[in-house]
Amino acid sequence: MEAYSNDDMDQQSVSMAKYWTSEKCIENVTKCQQLFGGYGYMLEYPIANLFASARVESIYGGTTEIMKELISRSI
C-alpha cells in the first residue's frame, strides 16, 4: 500500500473516510460492549471508556450528519 500525501485526498474522500471509520468504530465497540452486559457501562472497565471515546469520535471534526451532507454535495 502506498502512502498518500495531503494533496491526494479531496474533501469528499476525507468526509467519506471519516464517516465510514467512525460509524464502524461505534458499531464494533457496541458489539464488544454487549459481551460485557451491564459491566460494559461501568467506568472501571476499559470497554466503557472505549465506548465513550467511540461516541465522541463521531462528533470530533464534524458530526456524521455533516459528513453525509458534504458527501452528498459532490454527488
PDB file of N, CA and C in Angstrom:
ATOM      1  N   MET A   1       0.847  -1.172   0.000  1.00  0.00           N
ATOM      2  CA  MET A   1       0.000   0.000   0.000  1.00  0.00           C
ATOM      3  C   MET A   1       0.892   1.235   0.000  1.00  0.00           C
ATOM      4  N   GLU A   2       0.596   2.136  -0.861  1.00  0.00           N
ATOM      5  CA  GLU A   2       1.399   3.342  -0.941  1.00  0.00           C
ATOM      6  C   GLU A   2       0.853   4.417  -0.006  1.00  0.00           C
ATOM      7  N   ALA A   3       1.758   5.279   0.432  1.00  0.00           N
ATOM      8  CA  ALA A   3       1.358   6.367   1.327  1.00  0.00           C
ATOM      9  C   ALA A   3       0.736   7.496   0.519  1.00  0.00           C
ATOM     10  N   TYR A   4      -0.219   8.179   1.127  1.00  0.00           N
ATOM     11  CA  TYR A   4      -0.893   9.295   0.475  1.00  0.00           C
ATOM     12  C   TYR A   4      -0.416  10.603   1.092  1.00  0.00           C
ATOM     13  N   SER A   5      -0.280  11.589   0.265  1.00  0.00           N
ATOM     14  CA  SER A   5       0.040  12.915   0.773  1.00  0.00           C
ATOM     15  C   SER A   5      -1.256  13.700   0.925  1.00  0.00           C
ATOM     16  N   ASN A   6      -1.168  14.870   1.493  1.00  0.00           N
ATOM     17  CA  ASN A   6      -2.356  15.702   1.685  1.00  0.00           C
ATOM     18  C   ASN A   6      -2.992  16.119   0.376  1.00  0.00           C
ATOM     19  N   ASP A   7      -2.204  16.148  -0.699  1.00  0.00           N
ATOM     20  CA  ASP A   7      -2.727  16.576  -1.996  1.00  0.00           C
ATOM     21  C   ASP A   7      -3.553  15.500  -2.678  1.00  0.00           C
ATOM     22  N   ASP A   8      -3.452  14.245  -2.220  1.00  0.00           N
ATOM     23  CA  ASP A   8      -4.126  13.138  -2.880  1.00  0.00           C
ATOM     24  C   ASP A   8      -5.607  13.013  -2.525  1.00  0.00           C
ATOM     25  N   MET A   9      -6.020  13.601  -1.420  1.00  0.00           N
ATOM     26  CA  MET A   9      -7.394  13.425  -0.969  1.00  0.00           C
ATOM     27  C   MET A   9      -8.152  14.742  -1.023  1.00  0.00           C
ATOM     28  N   ASP A  10      -9.338  14.696  -1.600  1.00  0.00           N
ATOM     29  CA  ASP A  10     -10.177  15.880  -1.634  1.00  0.00           C
ATOM     30  C   ASP A  10     -11.162  15.832  -0.464  1.00  0.00           C
ATOM     31  N   GLN A  11     -11.992  16.847  -0.348  1.00  0.00           N
ATOM     32  CA  GLN A  11     -12.907  16.948   0.776  1.00  0.00           C
ATOM     33  C   GLN A  11     -13.892  15.784   0.814  1.00  0.00           C
ATOM     34  N   GLN A  12     -14.343  15.350  -0.346  1.00  0.00           N
ATOM     35  CA  GLN A  12     -15.290  14.240  -0.394  1.00  0.00           C
ATOM     36  C   GLN A  12     -14.644  12.955   0.117  1.00  0.00           C
ATOM     37  N   SER A  13     -13.422  12.676  -0.289  1.00  0.00           N
ATOM     38  CA  SER A  13     -12.738  11.457   0.138  1.00  0.00           C
ATOM     39  C   SER A  13     -12.494  11.449   1.642  1.00  0.00           C
ATOM     40  N   VAL A  14     -12.081  12.587   2.168  1.00  0.00           N
ATOM     41  CA  VAL A  14     -11.836  12.686   3.603  1.00  0.00           C
ATOM     42  C   VAL A  14     -13.141  12.523   4.372  1.00  0.00           C
ATOM     43  N   SER A  15     -14.208  13.136   3.897  1.00  0.00           N
ATOM     44  CA  SER A  15     -15.514  13.013   4.552  1.00  0.00           C
ATOM     45  C   SER A  15     -15.998  11.573   4.532  1.00  0.00           C
ATOM     46  N   MET A  16     -15.824  10.900   3.415  1.00  0.00           N
ATOM     47  CA  MET A  16     -16.237   9.501   3.309  1.00  0.00           C
ATOM     48  C   MET A  16     -15.435   8.621   4.264  1.00  0.00           C
ATOM     49  N   ALA A  17     -14.136   8.858   4.342  1.00  0.00           N
ATOM     50  CA  ALA A  17     -13.278   8.060   5.223  1.00  0.00           C
ATOM     51  C   ALA A  17     -13.644   8.290   6.684  1.00  0.00           C
ATOM     52  N   LYS A  18     -13.859   9.539   7.078  1.00  0.00           N
ATOM     53  CA  LYS A  18     -14.203   9.838   8.467  1.00  0.00           C
ATOM     54  C   LYS A  18     -15.559   9.253   8.827  1.00  0.00           C
ATOM     55  N   TYR A  19     -16.516   9.408   7.944  1.00  0.00           N
ATOM     56  CA  TYR A  19     -17.851   8.871   8.207  1.00  0.00           C
ATOM     57  C   TYR A  19     -17.803   7.354   8.376  1.00  0.00           C
ATOM     58  N   TRP A  20     -17.159   6.668   7.446  1.00  0.00           N
ATOM     59  CA  TRP A  20     -17.138   5.204   7.473  1.00  0.00           C
ATOM     60  C   TRP A  20     -16.395   4.678   8.690  1.00  0.00           C
ATOM     61  N   THR A  21     -15.216   5.249   8.975  1.00  0.00           N
ATOM     62  CA  THR A  21     -14.428   4.733  10.096  1.00  0.00           C
ATOM     63  C   THR A  21     -15.097   5.012  11.437  1.00  0.00           C
ATOM     64  N   SER A  22     -15.678   6.187  11.604  1.00  0.00           N
ATOM     65  CA  SER A  22     -16.320   6.474  12.885  1.00  0.00           C
ATOM     66  C   SER A  22     -17.561   5.605  13.085  1.00  0.00           C
ATOM     67  N   GLU A  23     -18.328   5.365  12.041  1.00  0.00           N
ATOM     68  CA  GLU A  23     -19.504   4.502  12.169  1.00  0.00           C
ATOM     69  C   GLU A  23     -19.121   3.054  12.459  1.00  0.00           C
ATOM     70  N   LYS A  24     -18.097   2.553  11.796  1.00  0.00           N
ATOM     71  CA  LYS A  24     -17.647   1.178  12.038  1.00  0.00           C
ATOM     72  C   LYS A  24     -17.054   1.028  13.429  1.00  0.00           C
ATOM     73  N   CYS A  25     -16.365   2.054  13.906  1.00  0.00           N
ATOM     74  CA  CYS A  25     -15.812   2.024  15.256  1.00  0.00           C
ATOM     75  C   CYS A  25     -16.934   1.910  16.284  1.00  0.00           C
ATOM     76  N   ILE A  26     -17.955   2.739  16.136  1.00  0.00           N
ATOM     77  CA  ILE A  26     -19.095   2.685  17.055  1.00  0.00           C
ATOM     78  C   ILE A  26     -19.778   1.323  16.986  1.00  0.00           C
ATOM     79  N   GLU A  27     -19.956   0.815  15.778  1.00  0.00           N
ATOM     80  CA  GLU A  27     -20.614  -0.485  15.598  1.00  0.00           C
ATOM     81  C   GLU A  27     -19.844  -1.603  16.299  1.00  0.00           C
ATOM     82  N   ASN A  28     -18.533  -1.632  16.116  1.00  0.00           N
ATOM     83  CA  ASN A  28     -17.720  -2.699  16.698  1.00  0.00           C
ATOM     84  C   ASN A  28     -17.601  -2.586  18.209  1.00  0.00           C
ATOM     85  N   VAL A  29     -17.438  -1.371  18.718  1.00  0.00           N
ATOM     86  CA  VAL A  29     -17.351  -1.194  20.168  1.00  0.00           C
ATOM     87  C   VAL A  29     -18.685  -1.541  20.823  1.00  0.00           C
ATOM     88  N   THR A  30     -19.787  -1.210  20.171  1.00  0.00           N
ATOM     89  CA  THR A  30     -21.104  -1.557  20.708  1.00  0.00           C
ATOM     90  C   THR A  30     -21.279  -3.070  20.783  1.00  0.00           C
ATOM     91  N   LYS A  31     -20.819  -3.782  19.756  1.00  0.00           N
ATOM     92  CA  LYS A  31     -20.894  -5.254  19.784  1.00  0.00           C
ATOM     93  C   LYS A  31     -20.044  -5.819  20.919  1.00  0.00           C
ATOM     94  N   CYS A  32     -18.859  -5.264  21.111  1.00  0.00           N
ATOM     95  CA  CYS A  32     -17.993  -5.714  22.198  1.00  0.00           C
ATOM     96  C   CYS A  32     -18.614  -5.407  23.557  1.00  0.00           C
ATOM     97  N   GLN A  33     -19.246  -4.250  23.658  1.00  0.00           N
ATOM     98  CA  GLN A  33     -19.872  -3.858  24.914  1.00  0.00           C
ATOM     99  C   GLN A  33     -21.002  -4.818  25.275  1.00  0.00           C
ATOM    100  N   GLN A  34     -21.689  -5.343  24.282  1.00  0.00           N
ATOM    101  CA  GLN A  34     -22.762  -6.295  24.530  1.00  0.00           C
ATOM    102  C   GLN A  34     -22.253  -7.561  25.217  1.00  0.00           C
ATOM    103  N   LEU A  35     -21.007  -7.927  24.942  1.00  0.00           N
ATOM    104  CA  LEU A  35     -20.424  -9.106  25.584  1.00  0.00           C
ATOM    105  C   LEU A  35     -20.265  -8.912  27.084  1.00  0.00           C
ATOM    106  N   PHE A  36     -20.056  -7.676  27.515  1.00  0.00           N
ATOM    107  CA  PHE A  36     -19.852  -7.380  28.927  1.00  0.00           C
ATOM    108  C   PHE A  36     -21.149  -7.201  29.689  1.00  0.00           C
ATOM    109  N   GLY A  37     -22.251  -7.057  28.983  1.00  0.00           N
ATOM    110  CA  GLY A  37     -23.535  -6.850  29.649  1.00  0.00           C
ATOM    111  C   GLY A  37     -23.542  -5.561  30.432  1.00  0.00           C
ATOM    112  N   GLY A  38     -24.049  -5.591  31.658  1.00  0.00           N
ATOM    113  CA  GLY A  38     -24.128  -4.404  32.500  1.00  0.00           C
ATOM    114  C   GLY A  38     -22.766  -3.851  32.874  1.00  0.00           C
ATOM    115  N   TYR A  39     -21.764  -4.733  32.931  1.00  0.00           N
ATOM    116  CA  TYR A  39     -20.411  -4.266  33.251  1.00  0.00           C
ATOM    117  C   TYR A  39     -19.857  -3.350  32.163  1.00  0.00           C
ATOM    118  N   GLY A  40     -20.395  -3.432  30.972  1.00  0.00           N
ATOM    119  CA  GLY A  40     -19.925  -2.594  29.881  1.00  0.00           C
ATOM    120  C   GLY A  40     -20.196  -1.119  30.082  1.00  0.00           C
ATOM    121  N   TYR A  41     -21.058  -0.791  31.048  1.00  0.00           N
ATOM    122  CA  TYR A  41     -21.388   0.604  31.329  1.00  0.00           C
ATOM    123  C   TYR A  41     -20.655   1.148  32.556  1.00  0.00           C
ATOM    124  N   MET A  42     -19.926   0.281  33.241  1.00  0.00           N
ATOM    125  CA  MET A  42     -19.194   0.715  34.433  1.00  0.00           C
ATOM    126  C   MET A  42     -17.824   1.234  34.028  1.00  0.00           C
ATOM    127  N   LEU A  43     -17.498   2.434  34.467  1.00  0.00           N
ATOM    128  CA  LEU A  43     -16.257   3.076  34.043  1.00  0.00           C
ATOM    129  C   LEU A  43     -15.004   2.377  34.556  1.00  0.00           C
ATOM    130  N   GLU A  44     -15.150   1.415  35.451  1.00  0.00           N
ATOM    131  CA  GLU A  44     -13.993   0.659  35.930  1.00  0.00           C
ATOM    132  C   GLU A  44     -13.461  -0.296  34.860  1.00  0.00           C
ATOM    133  N   TYR A  45     -14.279  -0.582  33.864  1.00  0.00           N
ATOM    134  CA  TYR A  45     -13.883  -1.499  32.803  1.00  0.00           C
ATOM    135  C   TYR A  45     -13.473  -0.712  31.556  1.00  0.00           C
ATOM    136  N   PRO A  46     -12.429  -1.160  30.876  1.00  0.00           N
ATOM    137  CA  PRO A  46     -11.941  -0.433  29.697  1.00  0.00           C
ATOM    138  C   PRO A  46     -12.975  -0.277  28.579  1.00  0.00           C
ATOM    139  N   ILE A  47     -13.891  -1.218  28.458  1.00  0.00           N
ATOM    140  CA  ILE A  47     -14.862  -1.152  27.371  1.00  0.00           C
ATOM    141  C   ILE A  47     -15.763   0.077  27.505  1.00  0.00           C
ATOM    142  N   ALA A  48     -16.057   0.492  28.732  1.00  0.00           N
ATOM    143  CA  ALA A  48     -16.887   1.685  28.933  1.00  0.00           C
ATOM    144  C   ALA A  48     -16.165   2.926  28.432  1.00  0.00           C
ATOM    145  N   ASN A  49     -14.856   3.008  28.683  1.00  0.00           N
ATOM    146  CA  ASN A  49     -14.074   4.139  28.190  1.00  0.00           C
ATOM    147  C   ASN A  49     -13.966   4.105  26.670  1.00  0.00           C
ATOM    148  N   LEU A  50     -13.810   2.913  26.101  1.00  0.00           N
ATOM    149  CA  LEU A  50     -13.761   2.784  24.647  1.00  0.00           C
ATOM    150  C   LEU A  50     -15.081   3.217  24.016  1.00  0.00           C
ATOM    151  N   PHE A  51     -16.181   2.848  24.661  1.00  0.00           N
ATOM    152  CA  PHE A  51     -17.492   3.226  24.139  1.00  0.00           C
ATOM    153  C   PHE A  51     -17.656   4.742  24.144  1.00  0.00           C
ATOM    154  N   ALA A  52     -17.262   5.386  25.237  1.00  0.00           N
ATOM    155  CA  ALA A  52     -17.368   6.843  25.311  1.00  0.00           C
ATOM    156  C   ALA A  52     -16.481   7.499  24.256  1.00  0.00           C
ATOM    157  N   SER A  53     -15.290   6.975  24.068  1.00  0.00           N
ATOM    158  CA  SER A  53     -14.376   7.529  23.065  1.00  0.00           C
ATOM    159  C   SER A  53     -14.923   7.343  21.656  1.00  0.00           C
ATOM    160  N   ALA A  54     -15.525   6.203  21.400  1.00  0.00           N
ATOM    161  CA  ALA A  54     -16.083   5.933  20.070  1.00  0.00           C
ATOM    162  C   ALA A  54     -17.246   6.873  19.770  1.00  0.00           C
ATOM    163  N   ARG A  55     -18.071   7.136  20.756  1.00  0.00           N
ATOM    164  CA  ARG A  55     -19.208   8.042  20.550  1.00  0.00           C
ATOM    165  C   ARG A  55     -18.738   9.463  20.277  1.00  0.00           C
ATOM    166  N   VAL A  56     -17.690   9.880  20.962  1.00  0.00           N
ATOM    167  CA  VAL A  56     -17.160  11.226  20.756  1.00  0.00           C
ATOM    168  C   VAL A  56     -16.482  11.328  19.395  1.00  0.00           C
ATOM    169  N   GLU A  57     -15.926  10.228  18.915  1.00  0.00           N
ATOM    170  CA  GLU A  57     -15.237  10.223  17.614  1.00  0.00           C
ATOM    171  C   GLU A  57     -16.166  10.654  16.488  1.00  0.00           C
ATOM    172  N   SER A  58     -17.447  10.337  16.602  1.00  0.00           N
ATOM    173  CA  SER A  58     -18.388  10.732  15.552  1.00  0.00           C
ATOM    174  C   SER A  58     -18.702  12.222  15.584  1.00  0.00           C
ATOM    175  N   ILE A  59     -18.250  12.914  16.635  1.00  0.00           N
ATOM    176  CA  ILE A  59     -18.502  14.345  16.756  1.00  0.00           C
ATOM    177  C   ILE A  59     -17.272  15.169  16.387  1.00  0.00           C
ATOM    178  N   TYR A  60     -16.089  14.716  16.794  1.00  0.00           N
ATOM    179  CA  TYR A  60     -14.857  15.460  16.514  1.00  0.00           C
ATOM    180  C   TYR A  60     -14.671  15.657  15.012  1.00  0.00           C
ATOM    181  N   GLY A  61     -14.298  16.839  14.634  1.00  0.00           N
ATOM    182  CA  GLY A  61     -14.025  17.117  13.230  1.00  0.00           C
ATOM    183  C   GLY A  61     -15.277  17.208  12.375  1.00  0.00           C
ATOM    184  N   GLY A  62     -16.436  17.236  12.991  1.00  0.00           N
ATOM    185  CA  GLY A  62     -17.697  17.316  12.253  1.00  0.00           C
ATOM    186  C   GLY A  62     -18.536  16.083  12.510  1.00  0.00           C
ATOM    187  N   THR A  63     -19.797  16.293  12.754  1.00  0.00           N
ATOM    188  CA  THR A  63     -20.676  15.163  13.034  1.00  0.00           C
ATOM    189  C   THR A  63     -20.866  14.319  11.781  1.00  0.00           C
ATOM    190  N   THR A  64     -21.347  13.111  11.966  1.00  0.00           N
ATOM    191  CA  THR A  64     -21.561  12.241  10.816  1.00  0.00           C
ATOM    192  C   THR A  64     -22.627  12.806   9.881  1.00  0.00           C
ATOM    193  N   GLU A  65     -23.571  13.558  10.434  1.00  0.00           N
ATOM    194  CA  GLU A  65     -24.588  14.180   9.582  1.00  0.00           C
ATOM    195  C   GLU A  65     -23.965  15.230   8.668  1.00  0.00           C
ATOM    196  N   ILE A  66     -23.006  15.973   9.174  1.00  0.00           N
ATOM    197  CA  ILE A  66     -22.293  16.952   8.350  1.00  0.00           C
ATOM    198  C   ILE A  66     -21.477  16.233   7.283  1.00  0.00           C
ATOM    199  N   MET A  67     -20.847  15.106   7.655  1.00  0.00           N
ATOM    200  CA  MET A  67     -20.070  14.333   6.676  1.00  0.00           C
ATOM    201  C   MET A  67     -20.978  13.840   5.549  1.00  0.00           C
ATOM    202  N   LYS A  68     -22.175  13.390   5.897  1.00  0.00           N
ATOM    203  CA  LYS A  68     -23.135  12.947   4.885  1.00  0.00           C
ATOM    204  C   LYS A  68     -23.488  14.088   3.937  1.00  0.00           C
ATOM    205  N   GLU A  69     -23.684  15.270   4.500  1.00  0.00           N
ATOM    206  CA  GLU A  69     -24.036  16.418   3.665  1.00  0.00           C
ATOM    207  C   GLU A  69     -22.889  16.799   2.733  1.00  0.00           C
ATOM    208  N   LEU A  70     -21.665  16.787   3.237  1.00  0.00           N
ATOM    209  CA  LEU A  70     -20.512  17.109   2.388  1.00  0.00           C
ATOM    210  C   LEU A  70     -20.350  16.095   1.259  1.00  0.00           C
ATOM    211  N   ILE A  71     -20.597  14.842   1.559  1.00  0.00           N
ATOM    212  CA  ILE A  71     -20.507  13.792   0.521  1.00  0.00           C
ATOM    213  C   ILE A  71     -21.609  13.980  -0.502  1.00  0.00           C
ATOM    214  N   SER A  72     -22.817  14.261  -0.049  1.00  0.00           N
ATOM    215  CA  SER A  72     -23.938  14.387  -0.973  1.00  0.00           C
ATOM    216  C   SER A  72     -23.810  15.612  -1.883  1.00  0.00           C
ATOM    217  N   ARG A  73     -23.142  16.649  -1.439  1.00  0.00           N
ATOM    218  CA  ARG A  73     -22.956  17.829  -2.273  1.00  0.00           C
ATOM    219  C   ARG A  73     -22.133  17.526  -3.517  1.00  0.00           C
ATOM    220  N   SER A  74     -21.216  16.592  -3.413  1.00  0.00           N
ATOM    221  CA  SER A  74     -20.330  16.315  -4.544  1.00  0.00           C
ATOM    222  C   SER A  74     -20.902  15.257  -5.493  1.00  0.00           C
ATOM    223  N   ILE A  75     -22.035  14.670  -5.123  1.00  0.00           N
ATOM    224  CA  ILE A  75     -22.634  13.636  -5.973  1.00  0.00           C
ATOM    225  C   ILE A  75     -23.557  14.286  -6.985  1.00  0.00           C
TER     226      ILE A  75
END
